[in-house]
Amino acid sequence: MVAKVDADACTGCGSCIDECPAAAITLSDDDIAVVDEDECLDCGACEDACPNGAITIE
């Protein structure tokens, strides 16, 4: 399981970055959240923090 980002729903607000305890999320040049699957803890903190529902744990 890993966090997946819906690029169409992501606004690049950074809420997920602030909440990620593993620092596994960065923003792309297009201001879309990108999850480092090797670092992701599958904890769901980013999913809960996203105001747009752009992140799911799959």
N, C-alpha and C. Protein backbone atom coordinates (compact mmCIF):
# COMPACT_ATOMS: atom_id res chain seq x y z
N MET A 1 0.85 -1.18 0.00
CA MET A 1 0.00 0.00 0.00
C MET A 1 0.90 1.24 0.00
N VAL A 2 0.41 2.25 -0.67
CA VAL A 2 1.16 3.50 -0.77
C VAL A 2 0.19 4.63 -1.10
N ALA A 3 0.56 5.85 -0.77
CA ALA A 3 -0.27 7.01 -1.08
C ALA A 3 -0.21 7.30 -2.57
N LYS A 4 -1.36 7.51 -3.17
CA LYS A 4 -1.48 7.85 -4.59
C LYS A 4 -2.11 9.22 -4.71
N VAL A 5 -1.59 10.04 -5.61
CA VAL A 5 -2.08 11.41 -5.79
C VAL A 5 -2.86 11.50 -7.09
N ASP A 6 -4.05 12.07 -7.00
CA ASP A 6 -4.87 12.38 -8.18
C ASP A 6 -4.41 13.76 -8.65
N ALA A 7 -3.61 13.80 -9.71
CA ALA A 7 -3.03 15.05 -10.19
C ALA A 7 -4.09 16.07 -10.59
N ASP A 8 -5.25 15.60 -11.03
CA ASP A 8 -6.31 16.52 -11.43
C ASP A 8 -6.94 17.21 -10.23
N ALA A 9 -6.90 16.58 -9.07
CA ALA A 9 -7.52 17.15 -7.87
C ALA A 9 -6.51 17.91 -7.00
N CYS A 10 -5.23 17.63 -7.17
CA CYS A 10 -4.21 18.27 -6.34
C CYS A 10 -4.02 19.73 -6.74
N THR A 11 -4.04 20.63 -5.75
CA THR A 11 -3.85 22.05 -6.01
C THR A 11 -2.48 22.54 -5.59
N GLY A 12 -1.65 21.65 -5.04
CA GLY A 12 -0.31 22.03 -4.62
C GLY A 12 -0.27 22.87 -3.36
N CYS A 13 -1.27 22.70 -2.50
CA CYS A 13 -1.36 23.53 -1.29
C CYS A 13 -0.29 23.18 -0.25
N GLY A 14 0.22 21.94 -0.29
CA GLY A 14 1.29 21.55 0.64
C GLY A 14 0.83 20.99 1.96
N SER A 15 -0.46 20.86 2.17
CA SER A 15 -0.96 20.33 3.44
C SER A 15 -0.42 18.92 3.70
N CYS A 16 -0.34 18.12 2.67
CA CYS A 16 0.16 16.75 2.82
C CYS A 16 1.63 16.73 3.20
N ILE A 17 2.39 17.66 2.64
CA ILE A 17 3.83 17.74 2.94
C ILE A 17 4.03 18.04 4.41
N ASP A 18 3.26 18.98 4.93
CA ASP A 18 3.37 19.37 6.34
C ASP A 18 3.03 18.23 7.28
N GLU A 19 2.13 17.34 6.89
CA GLU A 19 1.66 16.26 7.76
C GLU A 19 2.44 14.96 7.63
N CYS A 20 3.22 14.80 6.58
CA CYS A 20 3.91 13.53 6.33
C CYS A 20 5.07 13.33 7.32
N PRO A 21 4.98 12.32 8.19
CA PRO A 21 6.02 12.09 9.18
C PRO A 21 7.32 11.53 8.58
N ALA A 22 7.24 11.03 7.35
CA ALA A 22 8.41 10.43 6.70
C ALA A 22 9.07 11.39 5.70
N ALA A 23 8.51 12.58 5.54
CA ALA A 23 9.00 13.55 4.55
C ALA A 23 9.07 12.89 3.17
N ALA A 24 8.05 12.13 2.84
CA ALA A 24 8.02 11.37 1.59
C ALA A 24 7.30 12.09 0.46
N ILE A 25 6.85 13.31 0.70
CA ILE A 25 6.08 14.03 -0.31
C ILE A 25 6.77 15.33 -0.67
N THR A 26 6.87 15.58 -1.96
CA THR A 26 7.41 16.84 -2.48
C THR A 26 6.44 17.37 -3.52
N LEU A 27 6.69 18.58 -3.99
CA LEU A 27 5.88 19.14 -5.06
C LEU A 27 6.68 19.11 -6.35
N SER A 28 6.01 18.72 -7.43
CA SER A 28 6.65 18.72 -8.74
C SER A 28 6.77 20.15 -9.24
N ASP A 29 7.42 20.32 -10.38
CA ASP A 29 7.54 21.65 -10.99
C ASP A 29 6.17 22.22 -11.35
N ASP A 30 5.18 21.33 -11.50
CA ASP A 30 3.82 21.75 -11.83
C ASP A 30 2.96 21.94 -10.58
N ASP A 31 3.60 21.95 -9.39
CA ASP A 31 2.90 22.08 -8.11
C ASP A 31 1.88 20.97 -7.88
N ILE A 32 2.29 19.75 -8.15
CA ILE A 32 1.48 18.57 -7.88
C ILE A 32 2.26 17.72 -6.88
N ALA A 33 1.58 17.23 -5.85
CA ALA A 33 2.24 16.40 -4.85
C ALA A 33 2.76 15.11 -5.48
N VAL A 34 3.97 14.75 -5.09
CA VAL A 34 4.60 13.52 -5.57
C VAL A 34 5.05 12.73 -4.34
N VAL A 35 4.65 11.45 -4.29
CA VAL A 35 4.98 10.59 -3.15
C VAL A 35 6.15 9.69 -3.50
N ASP A 36 7.18 9.70 -2.66
CA ASP A 36 8.30 8.77 -2.80
C ASP A 36 7.85 7.44 -2.19
N GLU A 37 7.54 6.48 -3.06
CA GLU A 37 6.97 5.21 -2.60
C GLU A 37 7.91 4.44 -1.68
N ASP A 38 9.21 4.64 -1.82
CA ASP A 38 10.17 3.95 -0.97
C ASP A 38 10.18 4.51 0.45
N GLU A 39 9.79 5.78 0.61
CA GLU A 39 9.80 6.43 1.92
C GLU A 39 8.43 6.44 2.60
N CYS A 40 7.37 6.27 1.82
CA CYS A 40 6.00 6.35 2.34
C CYS A 40 5.76 5.25 3.39
N LEU A 41 5.17 5.66 4.51
CA LEU A 41 4.86 4.74 5.61
C LEU A 41 3.44 4.19 5.55
N ASP A 42 2.66 4.60 4.58
CA ASP A 42 1.27 4.18 4.45
C ASP A 42 0.44 4.52 5.69
N CYS A 43 0.77 5.60 6.34
CA CYS A 43 0.11 5.94 7.60
C CYS A 43 -1.23 6.65 7.40
N GLY A 44 -1.43 7.29 6.24
CA GLY A 44 -2.68 7.96 5.97
C GLY A 44 -2.75 9.41 6.42
N ALA A 45 -1.68 9.93 6.99
CA ALA A 45 -1.69 11.32 7.46
C ALA A 45 -1.93 12.29 6.31
N CYS A 46 -1.34 12.01 5.17
CA CYS A 46 -1.51 12.89 4.02
C CYS A 46 -2.93 12.84 3.48
N GLU A 47 -3.49 11.65 3.48
CA GLU A 47 -4.88 11.48 3.01
C GLU A 47 -5.83 12.30 3.88
N ASP A 48 -5.63 12.26 5.18
CA ASP A 48 -6.47 13.01 6.11
C ASP A 48 -6.26 14.51 5.97
N ALA A 49 -5.03 14.92 5.64
CA ALA A 49 -4.69 16.35 5.58
C ALA A 49 -5.14 17.02 4.29
N CYS A 50 -5.34 16.25 3.23
CA CYS A 50 -5.66 16.85 1.93
C CYS A 50 -7.08 17.41 1.91
N PRO A 51 -7.20 18.73 1.72
CA PRO A 51 -8.54 19.34 1.71
C PRO A 51 -9.33 19.05 0.44
N ASN A 52 -8.66 18.51 -0.57
CA ASN A 52 -9.31 18.26 -1.86
C ASN A 52 -9.56 16.79 -2.14
N GLY A 53 -9.20 15.93 -1.21
CA GLY A 53 -9.39 14.49 -1.42
C GLY A 53 -8.54 13.94 -2.55
N ALA A 54 -7.39 14.59 -2.79
CA ALA A 54 -6.54 14.20 -3.91
C ALA A 54 -5.61 13.02 -3.60
N ILE A 55 -5.54 12.62 -2.34
CA ILE A 55 -4.64 11.53 -1.96
C ILE A 55 -5.44 10.38 -1.36
N THR A 56 -5.12 9.19 -1.85
CA THR A 56 -5.72 7.97 -1.29
C THR A 56 -4.61 6.97 -1.01
N ILE A 57 -4.84 6.12 -0.03
CA ILE A 57 -3.90 5.05 0.28
C ILE A 57 -4.41 3.79 -0.42
N GLU A 58 -3.61 3.30 -1.35
CA GLU A 58 -4.01 2.13 -2.13
C GLU A 58 -3.04 1.00 -1.93
